[in-house]
């Protein structure tokens, strides 16, 4: 399976944002959060979210077709975040997106999830 780097992931999220008809929020966890928010020089095969992705599903499918990136995007079933981690989420690059709000765990919470 292909791996995607920081630039590719960010461009893919921008493309999802461009197809959204109304505001939506996703909470990205795992490797993608580490790559995007903390610039870990790595690559990942997928985008794991903590929350439901129904609000972005249609835009996601359109972004896949346009970019040719077959990046799986789904709610994770294996993360075990620290207590009340959602209270400490950080907004990822608010100026990069018009309708998509992307949140990521703060660095200690992200480390503890692994």
PDB file of N, CA and C in Angstrom:
ATOM      1  N   UNK A   1       0.842  -1.178   0.000  1.00  0.00           N
ATOM      2  CA  UNK A   1       0.000   0.000   0.000  1.00  0.00           C
ATOM      3  C   UNK A   1       0.897   1.255   0.000  1.00  0.00           C
ATOM      4  N   UNK A   2       0.508   2.244  -0.755  1.00  0.00           N
ATOM      5  CA  UNK A   2       1.286   3.476  -0.896  1.00  0.00           C
ATOM      6  C   UNK A   2       1.272   4.295   0.393  1.00  0.00           C
ATOM      7  N   UNK A   3       2.376   4.990   0.651  1.00  0.00           N
ATOM      8  CA  UNK A   3       2.452   5.879   1.806  1.00  0.00           C
ATOM      9  C   UNK A   3       2.454   7.327   1.322  1.00  0.00           C
ATOM     10  N   UNK A   4       1.910   8.219   2.156  1.00  0.00           N
ATOM     11  CA  UNK A   4       1.751   9.625   1.805  1.00  0.00           C
ATOM     12  C   UNK A   4       2.507  10.498   2.803  1.00  0.00           C
ATOM     13  N   UNK A   5       3.191  11.508   2.265  1.00  0.00           N
ATOM     14  CA  UNK A   5       3.984  12.398   3.114  1.00  0.00           C
ATOM     15  C   UNK A   5       3.170  13.639   3.530  1.00  0.00           C
ATOM     16  N   UNK A   6       3.809  14.526   4.272  1.00  0.00           N
ATOM     17  CA  UNK A   6       3.134  15.705   4.807  1.00  0.00           C
ATOM     18  C   UNK A   6       2.496  16.560   3.706  1.00  0.00           C
ATOM     19  N   UNK A   7       3.235  16.845   2.673  1.00  0.00           N
ATOM     20  CA  UNK A   7       2.704  17.690   1.594  1.00  0.00           C
ATOM     21  C   UNK A   7       1.496  17.045   0.920  1.00  0.00           C
ATOM     22  N   UNK A   8       1.580  15.759   0.652  1.00  0.00           N
ATOM     23  CA  UNK A   8       0.470  15.056   0.007  1.00  0.00           C
ATOM     24  C   UNK A   8      -0.767  15.018   0.910  1.00  0.00           C
ATOM     25  N   UNK A   9      -0.553  14.767   2.193  1.00  0.00           N
ATOM     26  CA  UNK A   9      -1.677  14.735   3.134  1.00  0.00           C
ATOM     27  C   UNK A   9      -2.357  16.094   3.230  1.00  0.00           C
ATOM     28  N   UNK A  10      -1.546  17.136   3.331  1.00  0.00           N
ATOM     29  CA  UNK A  10      -2.116  18.480   3.439  1.00  0.00           C
ATOM     30  C   UNK A  10      -2.860  18.861   2.160  1.00  0.00           C
ATOM     31  N   UNK A  11      -2.293  18.565   1.017  1.00  0.00           N
ATOM     32  CA  UNK A  11      -2.969  18.858  -0.249  1.00  0.00           C
ATOM     33  C   UNK A  11      -4.278  18.094  -0.377  1.00  0.00           C
ATOM     34  N   UNK A  12      -4.281  16.865   0.120  1.00  0.00           N
ATOM     35  CA  UNK A  12      -5.501  16.059   0.074  1.00  0.00           C
ATOM     36  C   UNK A  12      -6.587  16.672   0.961  1.00  0.00           C
ATOM     37  N   UNK A  13      -6.215  17.109   2.158  1.00  0.00           N
ATOM     38  CA  UNK A  13      -7.190  17.751   3.040  1.00  0.00           C
ATOM     39  C   UNK A  13      -7.695  19.065   2.439  1.00  0.00           C
ATOM     40  N   UNK A  14      -6.822  19.806   1.782  1.00  0.00           N
ATOM     41  CA  UNK A  14      -7.249  21.041   1.102  1.00  0.00           C
ATOM     42  C   UNK A  14      -8.264  20.722   0.015  1.00  0.00           C
ATOM     43  N   UNK A  15      -8.050  19.632  -0.684  1.00  0.00           N
ATOM     44  CA  UNK A  15      -8.984  19.246  -1.739  1.00  0.00           C
ATOM     45  C   UNK A  15     -10.329  18.830  -1.139  1.00  0.00           C
ATOM     46  N   UNK A  16     -10.303  18.116  -0.025  1.00  0.00           N
ATOM     47  CA  UNK A  16     -11.559  17.783   0.666  1.00  0.00           C
ATOM     48  C   UNK A  16     -12.271  19.075   1.050  1.00  0.00           C
ATOM     49  N   UNK A  17     -11.535  20.011   1.611  1.00  0.00           N
ATOM     50  CA  UNK A  17     -12.102  21.297   2.014  1.00  0.00           C
ATOM     51  C   UNK A  17     -12.765  21.996   0.825  1.00  0.00           C
ATOM     52  N   UNK A  18     -12.149  21.941  -0.325  1.00  0.00           N
ATOM     53  CA  UNK A  18     -12.684  22.638  -1.498  1.00  0.00           C
ATOM     54  C   UNK A  18     -14.016  22.066  -1.965  1.00  0.00           C
ATOM     55  N   UNK A  19     -14.284  20.806  -1.644  1.00  0.00           N
ATOM     56  CA  UNK A  19     -15.529  20.165  -2.056  1.00  0.00           C
ATOM     57  C   UNK A  19     -16.638  20.224  -1.001  1.00  0.00           C
ATOM     58  N   UNK A  20     -16.326  20.688   0.183  1.00  0.00           N
ATOM     59  CA  UNK A  20     -17.353  20.753   1.228  1.00  0.00           C
ATOM     60  C   UNK A  20     -18.386  21.821   0.902  1.00  0.00           C
ATOM     61  N   UNK A  21     -19.639  21.477   1.129  1.00  0.00           N
ATOM     62  CA  UNK A  21     -20.717  22.440   0.914  1.00  0.00           C
ATOM     63  C   UNK A  21     -21.036  23.210   2.188  1.00  0.00           C
ATOM     64  N   UNK A  22     -20.701  22.633   3.337  1.00  0.00           N
ATOM     65  CA  UNK A  22     -20.932  23.319   4.612  1.00  0.00           C
ATOM     66  C   UNK A  22     -19.794  22.955   5.564  1.00  0.00           C
ATOM     67  N   UNK A  23     -19.606  23.724   6.623  1.00  0.00           N
ATOM     68  CA  UNK A  23     -18.517  23.456   7.566  1.00  0.00           C
ATOM     69  C   UNK A  23     -18.580  22.043   8.153  1.00  0.00           C
ATOM     70  N   UNK A  24     -17.405  21.476   8.357  1.00  0.00           N
ATOM     71  CA  UNK A  24     -17.293  20.134   8.938  1.00  0.00           C
ATOM     72  C   UNK A  24     -16.024  20.083   9.775  1.00  0.00           C
ATOM     73  N   UNK A  25     -16.020  19.158  10.730  1.00  0.00           N
ATOM     74  CA  UNK A  25     -14.870  19.008  11.618  1.00  0.00           C
ATOM     75  C   UNK A  25     -14.430  17.557  11.655  1.00  0.00           C
ATOM     76  N   UNK A  26     -13.103  17.365  11.612  1.00  0.00           N
ATOM     77  CA  UNK A  26     -12.546  16.035  11.841  1.00  0.00           C
ATOM     78  C   UNK A  26     -11.422  16.153  12.860  1.00  0.00           C
ATOM     79  N   UNK A  27     -11.312  15.129  13.674  1.00  0.00           N
ATOM     80  CA  UNK A  27     -10.236  15.038  14.661  1.00  0.00           C
ATOM     81  C   UNK A  27      -9.300  13.943  14.170  1.00  0.00           C
ATOM     82  N   UNK A  28      -8.119  14.360  13.736  1.00  0.00           N
ATOM     83  CA  UNK A  28      -7.141  13.421  13.191  1.00  0.00           C
ATOM     84  C   UNK A  28      -6.230  12.934  14.314  1.00  0.00           C
ATOM     85  N   UNK A  29      -6.018  11.625  14.362  1.00  0.00           N
ATOM     86  CA  UNK A  29      -5.161  11.015  15.374  1.00  0.00           C
ATOM     87  C   UNK A  29      -4.105  10.156  14.679  1.00  0.00           C
ATOM     88  N   UNK A  30      -3.193   9.630  15.460  1.00  0.00           N
ATOM     89  CA  UNK A  30      -2.203   8.699  14.934  1.00  0.00           C
ATOM     90  C   UNK A  30      -1.127   9.352  14.104  1.00  0.00           C
ATOM     91  N   UNK A  31      -0.605   8.578  13.164  1.00  0.00           N
ATOM     92  CA  UNK A  31       0.519   9.013  12.356  1.00  0.00           C
ATOM     93  C   UNK A  31       0.263  10.273  11.558  1.00  0.00           C
ATOM     94  N   UNK A  32      -0.933  10.416  11.012  1.00  0.00           N
ATOM     95  CA  UNK A  32      -1.237  11.613  10.232  1.00  0.00           C
ATOM     96  C   UNK A  32      -1.183  12.859  11.096  1.00  0.00           C
ATOM     97  N   UNK A  33      -1.682  12.783  12.322  1.00  0.00           N
ATOM     98  CA  UNK A  33      -1.613  13.927  13.243  1.00  0.00           C
ATOM     99  C   UNK A  33      -0.157  14.274  13.537  1.00  0.00           C
ATOM    100  N   UNK A  34       0.669  13.270  13.761  1.00  0.00           N
ATOM    101  CA  UNK A  34       2.083  13.499  14.051  1.00  0.00           C
ATOM    102  C   UNK A  34       2.792  14.146  12.859  1.00  0.00           C
ATOM    103  N   UNK A  35       2.478  13.683  11.677  1.00  0.00           N
ATOM    104  CA  UNK A  35       3.105  14.215  10.469  1.00  0.00           C
ATOM    105  C   UNK A  35       2.676  15.655  10.217  1.00  0.00           C
ATOM    106  N   UNK A  36       1.375  15.913  10.250  1.00  0.00           N
ATOM    107  CA  UNK A  36       0.880  17.245   9.916  1.00  0.00           C
ATOM    108  C   UNK A  36       1.152  18.289  10.994  1.00  0.00           C
ATOM    109  N   UNK A  37       0.814  17.972  12.218  1.00  0.00           N
ATOM    110  CA  UNK A  37       0.882  18.978  13.287  1.00  0.00           C
ATOM    111  C   UNK A  37       2.269  19.130  13.884  1.00  0.00           C
ATOM    112  N   UNK A  38       3.049  18.052  13.870  1.00  0.00           N
ATOM    113  CA  UNK A  38       4.345  18.087  14.550  1.00  0.00           C
ATOM    114  C   UNK A  38       5.504  17.815  13.596  1.00  0.00           C
ATOM    115  N   UNK A  39       5.207  17.780  12.305  1.00  0.00           N
ATOM    116  CA  UNK A  39       6.208  17.680  11.234  1.00  0.00           C
ATOM    117  C   UNK A  39       7.181  16.517  11.406  1.00  0.00           C
ATOM    118  N   UNK A  40       6.636  15.395  11.857  1.00  0.00           N
ATOM    119  CA  UNK A  40       7.425  14.175  11.945  1.00  0.00           C
ATOM    120  C   UNK A  40       7.744  13.754  10.508  1.00  0.00           C
ATOM    121  N   UNK A  41       9.000  13.587  10.208  1.00  0.00           N
ATOM    122  CA  UNK A  41       9.384  13.250   8.830  1.00  0.00           C
ATOM    123  C   UNK A  41       9.153  11.765   8.589  1.00  0.00           C
ATOM    124  N   UNK A  42       7.939  11.465   8.296  1.00  0.00           N
ATOM    125  CA  UNK A  42       7.519  10.094   8.089  1.00  0.00           C
ATOM    126  C   UNK A  42       6.423  10.109   7.033  1.00  0.00           C
ATOM    127  N   UNK A  43       5.876   8.967   6.751  1.00  0.00           N
ATOM    128  CA  UNK A  43       4.759   8.849   5.822  1.00  0.00           C
ATOM    129  C   UNK A  43       3.758   7.876   6.428  1.00  0.00           C
ATOM    130  N   UNK A  44       2.532   7.939   5.948  1.00  0.00           N
ATOM    131  CA  UNK A  44       1.492   7.067   6.465  1.00  0.00           C
ATOM    132  C   UNK A  44       0.626   6.573   5.318  1.00  0.00           C
ATOM    133  N   UNK A  45      -0.067   5.493   5.557  1.00  0.00           N
ATOM    134  CA  UNK A  45      -0.924   4.900   4.534  1.00  0.00           C
ATOM    135  C   UNK A  45      -2.368   5.360   4.638  1.00  0.00           C
ATOM    136  N   UNK A  46      -2.731   5.985   5.768  1.00  0.00           N
ATOM    137  CA  UNK A  46      -4.137   6.315   5.963  1.00  0.00           C
ATOM    138  C   UNK A  46      -4.304   7.544   6.850  1.00  0.00           C
ATOM    139  N   UNK A  47      -5.536   7.992   6.962  1.00  0.00           N
ATOM    140  CA  UNK A  47      -5.892   9.088   7.858  1.00  0.00           C
ATOM    141  C   UNK A  47      -6.907   8.536   8.853  1.00  0.00           C
ATOM    142  N   UNK A  48      -6.480   8.432  10.112  1.00  0.00           N
ATOM    143  CA  UNK A  48      -7.369   7.955  11.171  1.00  0.00           C
ATOM    144  C   UNK A  48      -8.005   9.150  11.856  1.00  0.00           C
ATOM    145  N   UNK A  49      -9.297   9.037  12.111  1.00  0.00           N
ATOM    146  CA  UNK A  49      -9.998  10.102  12.834  1.00  0.00           C
ATOM    147  C   UNK A  49     -10.585   9.545  14.120  1.00  0.00           C
ATOM    148  N   UNK A  50     -10.805  10.444  15.057  1.00  0.00           N
ATOM    149  CA  UNK A  50     -11.437  10.063  16.309  1.00  0.00           C
ATOM    150  C   UNK A  50     -12.953  10.146  16.179  1.00  0.00           C
ATOM    151  N   UNK A  51     -13.411  11.050  15.325  1.00  0.00           N
ATOM    152  CA  UNK A  51     -14.849  11.267  15.194  1.00  0.00           C
ATOM    153  C   UNK A  51     -15.378  10.682  13.888  1.00  0.00           C
ATOM    154  N   UNK A  52     -16.673  10.682  13.772  1.00  0.00           N
ATOM    155  CA  UNK A  52     -17.374  10.198  12.598  1.00  0.00           C
ATOM    156  C   UNK A  52     -17.040  11.077  11.390  1.00  0.00           C
ATOM    157  N   UNK A  53     -16.900  10.479  10.228  1.00  0.00           N
ATOM    158  CA  UNK A  53     -16.518  11.239   9.034  1.00  0.00           C
ATOM    159  C   UNK A  53     -17.666  11.453   8.049  1.00  0.00           C
ATOM    160  N   UNK A  54     -18.888  11.167   8.445  1.00  0.00           N
ATOM    161  CA  UNK A  54     -20.019  11.303   7.528  1.00  0.00           C
ATOM    162  C   UNK A  54     -20.109  12.686   6.892  1.00  0.00           C
ATOM    163  N   UNK A  55     -19.773  13.732   7.642  1.00  0.00           N
ATOM    164  CA  UNK A  55     -19.890  15.105   7.140  1.00  0.00           C
ATOM    165  C   UNK A  55     -18.921  15.408   6.002  1.00  0.00           C
ATOM    166  N   UNK A  56     -17.854  14.614   5.882  1.00  0.00           N
ATOM    167  CA  UNK A  56     -16.864  14.865   4.827  1.00  0.00           C
ATOM    168  C   UNK A  56     -16.820  13.742   3.783  1.00  0.00           C
ATOM    169  N   UNK A  57     -17.645  12.740   3.935  1.00  0.00           N
ATOM    170  CA  UNK A  57     -17.575  11.540   3.078  1.00  0.00           C
ATOM    171  C   UNK A  57     -17.699  11.868   1.582  1.00  0.00           C
ATOM    172  N   UNK A  58     -18.670  12.675   1.210  1.00  0.00           N
ATOM    173  CA  UNK A  58     -18.867  13.004  -0.200  1.00  0.00           C
ATOM    174  C   UNK A  58     -17.678  13.802  -0.745  1.00  0.00           C
ATOM    175  N   UNK A  59     -17.222  14.798   0.001  1.00  0.00           N
ATOM    176  CA  UNK A  59     -16.066  15.600  -0.417  1.00  0.00           C
ATOM    177  C   UNK A  59     -14.814  14.725  -0.498  1.00  0.00           C
ATOM    178  N   UNK A  60     -14.677  13.788   0.431  1.00  0.00           N
ATOM    179  CA  UNK A  60     -13.551  12.856   0.436  1.00  0.00           C
ATOM    180  C   UNK A  60     -13.522  12.025  -0.847  1.00  0.00           C
ATOM    181  N   UNK A  61     -14.657  11.500  -1.232  1.00  0.00           N
ATOM    182  CA  UNK A  61     -14.722  10.674  -2.448  1.00  0.00           C
ATOM    183  C   UNK A  61     -14.359  11.499  -3.690  1.00  0.00           C
ATOM    184  N   UNK A  62     -14.812  12.727  -3.753  1.00  0.00           N
ATOM    185  CA  UNK A  62     -14.479  13.610  -4.881  1.00  0.00           C
ATOM    186  C   UNK A  62     -12.978  13.931  -4.883  1.00  0.00           C
ATOM    187  N   UNK A  63     -12.418  14.168  -3.706  1.00  0.00           N
ATOM    188  CA  UNK A  63     -10.986  14.471  -3.606  1.00  0.00           C
ATOM    189  C   UNK A  63     -10.150  13.281  -4.053  1.00  0.00           C
ATOM    190  N   UNK A  64     -10.578  12.072  -3.706  1.00  0.00           N
ATOM    191  CA  UNK A  64      -9.861  10.873  -4.147  1.00  0.00           C
ATOM    192  C   UNK A  64      -9.829  10.785  -5.666  1.00  0.00           C
ATOM    193  N   UNK A  65     -10.972  11.030  -6.285  1.00  0.00           N
ATOM    194  CA  UNK A  65     -11.041  10.946  -7.746  1.00  0.00           C
ATOM    195  C   UNK A  65     -10.158  11.996  -8.402  1.00  0.00           C
ATOM    196  N   UNK A  66     -10.201  13.229  -7.890  1.00  0.00           N
ATOM    197  CA  UNK A  66      -9.437  14.300  -8.526  1.00  0.00           C
ATOM    198  C   UNK A  66      -7.926  14.145  -8.333  1.00  0.00           C
ATOM    199  N   UNK A  67      -7.515  13.759  -7.140  1.00  0.00           N
ATOM    200  CA  UNK A  67      -6.079  13.683  -6.846  1.00  0.00           C
ATOM    201  C   UNK A  67      -5.453  12.353  -7.257  1.00  0.00           C
ATOM    202  N   UNK A  68      -6.254  11.310  -7.330  1.00  0.00           N
ATOM    203  CA  UNK A  68      -5.710   9.984  -7.586  1.00  0.00           C
ATOM    204  C   UNK A  68      -5.123   9.346  -6.335  1.00  0.00           C
ATOM    205  N   UNK A  69      -5.247  10.045  -5.192  1.00  0.00           N
ATOM    206  CA  UNK A  69      -4.764   9.508  -3.917  1.00  0.00           C
ATOM    207  C   UNK A  69      -5.839   8.597  -3.332  1.00  0.00           C
ATOM    208  N   UNK A  70      -5.501   7.367  -3.121  1.00  0.00           N
ATOM    209  CA  UNK A  70      -6.451   6.422  -2.531  1.00  0.00           C
ATOM    210  C   UNK A  70      -6.133   6.278  -1.042  1.00  0.00           C
ATOM    211  N   UNK A  71      -6.215   7.391  -0.333  1.00  0.00           N
ATOM    212  CA  UNK A  71      -5.877   7.418   1.090  1.00  0.00           C
ATOM    213  C   UNK A  71      -7.104   6.999   1.902  1.00  0.00           C
ATOM    214  N   UNK A  72      -7.050   5.881   2.591  1.00  0.00           N
ATOM    215  CA  UNK A  72      -8.178   5.502   3.436  1.00  0.00           C
ATOM    216  C   UNK A  72      -8.397   6.562   4.534  1.00  0.00           C
ATOM    217  N   UNK A  73      -9.636   6.954   4.731  1.00  0.00           N
ATOM    218  CA  UNK A  73     -10.029   7.905   5.762  1.00  0.00           C
ATOM    219  C   UNK A  73     -11.156   7.265   6.552  1.00  0.00           C
ATOM    220  N   UNK A  74     -10.906   7.005   7.841  1.00  0.00           N
ATOM    221  CA  UNK A  74     -11.941   6.348   8.636  1.00  0.00           C
ATOM    222  C   UNK A  74     -11.731   6.603  10.123  1.00  0.00           C
ATOM    223  N   UNK A  75     -12.808   6.384  10.848  1.00  0.00           N
ATOM    224  CA  UNK A  75     -12.745   6.502  12.301  1.00  0.00           C
ATOM    225  C   UNK A  75     -11.977   5.299  12.845  1.00  0.00           C
ATOM    226  N   UNK A  76     -10.995   5.590  13.684  1.00  0.00           N
ATOM    227  CA  UNK A  76     -10.172   4.521  14.230  1.00  0.00           C
ATOM    228  C   UNK A  76     -10.930   3.734  15.299  1.00  0.00           C
ATOM    229  N   UNK A  77     -10.588   2.472  15.396  1.00  0.00           N
ATOM    230  CA  UNK A  77     -11.192   1.647  16.444  1.00  0.00           C
ATOM    231  C   UNK A  77     -10.141   1.173  17.442  1.00  0.00           C
ATOM    232  N   UNK A  78      -8.886   1.592  17.252  1.00  0.00           N
ATOM    233  CA  UNK A  78      -7.821   1.083  18.107  1.00  0.00           C
ATOM    234  C   UNK A  78      -7.175   2.133  19.014  1.00  0.00           C
ATOM    235  N   UNK A  79      -7.477   3.395  18.847  1.00  0.00           N
ATOM    236  CA  UNK A  79      -6.848   4.432  19.680  1.00  0.00           C
ATOM    237  C   UNK A  79      -7.350   4.353  21.118  1.00  0.00           C
ATOM    238  N   UNK A  80      -6.457   4.632  22.051  1.00  0.00           N
ATOM    239  CA  UNK A  80      -6.806   4.645  23.469  1.00  0.00           C
ATOM    240  C   UNK A  80      -6.268   5.949  24.059  1.00  0.00           C
ATOM    241  N   UNK A  81      -6.981   7.048  23.803  1.00  0.00           N
ATOM    242  CA  UNK A  81      -6.467   8.355  24.233  1.00  0.00           C
ATOM    243  C   UNK A  81      -6.590   8.569  25.736  1.00  0.00           C
ATOM    244  N   UNK A  82      -5.794   9.502  26.277  1.00  0.00           N
ATOM    245  CA  UNK A  82      -5.877   9.835  27.696  1.00  0.00           C
ATOM    246  C   UNK A  82      -7.229  10.482  28.048  1.00  0.00           C
ATOM    247  N   UNK A  83      -7.531  10.449  29.311  1.00  0.00           N
ATOM    248  CA  UNK A  83      -8.771  11.013  29.840  1.00  0.00           C
ATOM    249  C   UNK A  83      -8.938  12.473  29.409  1.00  0.00           C
ATOM    250  N   UNK A  84     -10.083  12.794  28.881  1.00  0.00           N
ATOM    251  CA  UNK A  84     -10.472  14.144  28.475  1.00  0.00           C
ATOM    252  C   UNK A  84      -9.504  14.791  27.482  1.00  0.00           C
ATOM    253  N   UNK A  85      -8.891  13.987  26.629  1.00  0.00           N
ATOM    254  CA  UNK A  85      -7.958  14.542  25.643  1.00  0.00           C
ATOM    255  C   UNK A  85      -8.644  15.534  24.713  1.00  0.00           C
ATOM    256  N   UNK A  86      -9.948  15.358  24.514  1.00  0.00           N
ATOM    257  CA  UNK A  86     -10.675  16.259  23.613  1.00  0.00           C
ATOM    258  C   UNK A  86     -10.669  17.702  24.123  1.00  0.00           C
ATOM    259  N   UNK A  87     -10.503  17.888  25.422  1.00  0.00           N
ATOM    260  CA  UNK A  87     -10.419  19.242  25.991  1.00  0.00           C
ATOM    261  C   UNK A  87      -9.115  19.934  25.614  1.00  0.00           C
ATOM    262  N   UNK A  88      -8.133  19.174  25.153  1.00  0.00           N
ATOM    263  CA  UNK A  88      -6.810  19.730  24.859  1.00  0.00           C
ATOM    264  C   UNK A  88      -6.482  19.701  23.364  1.00  0.00           C
ATOM    265  N   UNK A  89      -7.456  19.423  22.529  1.00  0.00           N
ATOM    266  CA  UNK A  89      -7.201  19.373  21.087  1.00  0.00           C
ATOM    267  C   UNK A  89      -6.715  20.719  20.573  1.00  0.00           C
ATOM    268  N   UNK A  90      -5.873  20.657  19.547  1.00  0.00           N
ATOM    269  CA  UNK A  90      -5.344  21.861  18.902  1.00  0.00           C
ATOM    270  C   UNK A  90      -5.945  21.975  17.506  1.00  0.00           C
ATOM    271  N   UNK A  91      -6.205  23.199  17.096  1.00  0.00           N
ATOM    272  CA  UNK A  91      -6.674  23.439  15.741  1.00  0.00           C
ATOM    273  C   UNK A  91      -5.472  23.381  14.804  1.00  0.00           C
ATOM    274  N   UNK A  92      -5.573  22.563  13.768  1.00  0.00           N
ATOM    275  CA  UNK A  92      -4.492  22.443  12.800  1.00  0.00           C
ATOM    276  C   UNK A  92      -4.690  23.459  11.684  1.00  0.00           C
ATOM    277  N   UNK A  93      -3.760  24.354  11.527  1.00  0.00           N
ATOM    278  CA  UNK A  93      -3.702  25.312  10.418  1.00  0.00           C
ATOM    279  C   UNK A  93      -5.044  25.905  10.014  1.00  0.00           C
ATOM    280  N   UNK A  94      -5.638  26.719  10.860  1.00  0.00           N
ATOM    281  CA  UNK A  94      -6.975  27.252  10.553  1.00  0.00           C
ATOM    282  C   UNK A  94      -7.051  28.075   9.276  1.00  0.00           C
ATOM    283  N   UNK A  95      -5.966  28.691   8.847  1.00  0.00           N
ATOM    284  CA  UNK A  95      -6.009  29.538   7.648  1.00  0.00           C
ATOM    285  C   UNK A  95      -5.918  28.742   6.353  1.00  0.00           C
ATOM    286  N   UNK A  96      -5.593  27.483   6.444  1.00  0.00           N
ATOM    287  CA  UNK A  96      -5.428  26.684   5.231  1.00  0.00           C
ATOM    288  C   UNK A  96      -6.750  26.183   4.675  1.00  0.00           C
ATOM    289  N   UNK A  97      -7.772  26.145   5.501  1.00  0.00           N
ATOM    290  CA  UNK A  97      -9.050  25.583   5.086  1.00  0.00           C
ATOM    291  C   UNK A  97     -10.170  26.608   5.255  1.00  0.00           C
ATOM    292  N   UNK A  98     -11.151  26.537   4.366  1.00  0.00           N
ATOM    293  CA  UNK A  98     -12.292  27.452   4.446  1.00  0.00           C
ATOM    294  C   UNK A  98     -13.443  26.856   5.262  1.00  0.00           C
ATOM    295  N   UNK A  99     -13.749  25.597   5.019  1.00  0.00           N
ATOM    296  CA  UNK A  99     -14.889  24.963   5.684  1.00  0.00           C
ATOM    297  C   UNK A  99     -14.501  23.786   6.573  1.00  0.00           C
ATOM    298  N   UNK A 100     -13.343  23.229   6.336  1.00  0.00           N
ATOM    299  CA  UNK A 100     -12.906  22.058   7.100  1.00  0.00           C
ATOM    300  C   UNK A 100     -12.137  22.494   8.339  1.00  0.00           C
ATOM    301  N   UNK A 101     -12.613  22.065   9.490  1.00  0.00           N
ATOM    302  CA  UNK A 101     -11.907  22.318  10.743  1.00  0.00           C
ATOM    303  C   UNK A 101     -11.222  21.013  11.114  1.00  0.00           C
ATOM    304  N   UNK A 102      -9.887  21.065  11.172  1.00  0.00           N
ATOM    305  CA  UNK A 102      -9.092  19.879  11.497  1.00  0.00           C
ATOM    306  C   UNK A 102      -8.475  20.098  12.865  1.00  0.00           C
ATOM    307  N   UNK A 103      -8.738  19.167  13.770  1.00  0.00           N
ATOM    308  CA  UNK A 103      -8.157  19.218  15.105  1.00  0.00           C
ATOM    309  C   UNK A 103      -7.256  18.009  15.303  1.00  0.00           C
ATOM    310  N   UNK A 104      -6.225  18.206  16.127  1.00  0.00           N
ATOM    311  CA  UNK A 104      -5.272  17.134  16.438  1.00  0.00           C
ATOM    312  C   UNK A 104      -5.006  17.128  17.936  1.00  0.00           C
ATOM    313  N   UNK A 105      -4.634  15.984  18.486  1.00  0.00           N
ATOM    314  CA  UNK A 105      -4.278  15.933  19.908  1.00  0.00           C
ATOM    315  C   UNK A 105      -3.015  16.740  20.187  1.00  0.00           C
ATOM    316  N   UNK A 106      -2.938  17.313  21.373  1.00  0.00           N
ATOM    317  CA  UNK A 106      -1.685  17.968  21.756  1.00  0.00           C
ATOM    318  C   UNK A 106      -0.634  16.862  21.863  1.00  0.00           C
ATOM    319  N   UNK A 107       0.624  17.234  21.788  1.00  0.00           N
ATOM    320  CA  UNK A 107       1.706  16.266  21.564  1.00  0.00           C
ATOM    321  C   UNK A 107       1.759  15.152  22.621  1.00  0.00           C
ATOM    322  N   UNK A 108       1.607  15.468  23.894  1.00  0.00           N
ATOM    323  CA  UNK A 108       1.665  14.420  24.934  1.00  0.00           C
ATOM    324  C   UNK A 108       0.513  13.442  24.789  1.00  0.00           C
ATOM    325  N   UNK A 109      -0.684  13.960  24.513  1.00  0.00           N
ATOM    326  CA  UNK A 109      -1.829  13.075  24.303  1.00  0.00           C
ATOM    327  C   UNK A 109      -1.623  12.166  23.091  1.00  0.00           C
ATOM    328  N   UNK A 110      -1.024  12.715  22.052  1.00  0.00           N
ATOM    329  CA  UNK A 110      -0.755  11.918  20.848  1.00  0.00           C
ATOM    330  C   UNK A 110       0.223  10.782  21.152  1.00  0.00           C
ATOM    331  N   UNK A 111       1.254  11.108  21.890  1.00  0.00           N
ATOM    332  CA  UNK A 111       2.252  10.084  22.275  1.00  0.00           C
ATOM    333  C   UNK A 111       1.592   9.001  23.131  1.00  0.00           C
ATOM    334  N   UNK A 112       0.756   9.404  24.065  1.00  0.00           N
ATOM    335  CA  UNK A 112       0.100   8.436  24.952  1.00  0.00           C
ATOM    336  C   UNK A 112      -0.906   7.543  24.237  1.00  0.00           C
ATOM    337  N   UNK A 113      -1.372   7.963  23.075  1.00  0.00           N
ATOM    338  CA  UNK A 113      -2.317   7.142  22.312  1.00  0.00           C
ATOM    339  C   UNK A 113      -1.649   5.947  21.659  1.00  0.00           C
ATOM    340  N   UNK A 114      -0.371   6.019  21.441  1.00  0.00           N
ATOM    341  CA  UNK A 114       0.327   4.966  20.710  1.00  0.00           C
ATOM    342  C   UNK A 114       0.558   3.740  21.545  1.00  0.00           C
TER     343      UNK A 114
END
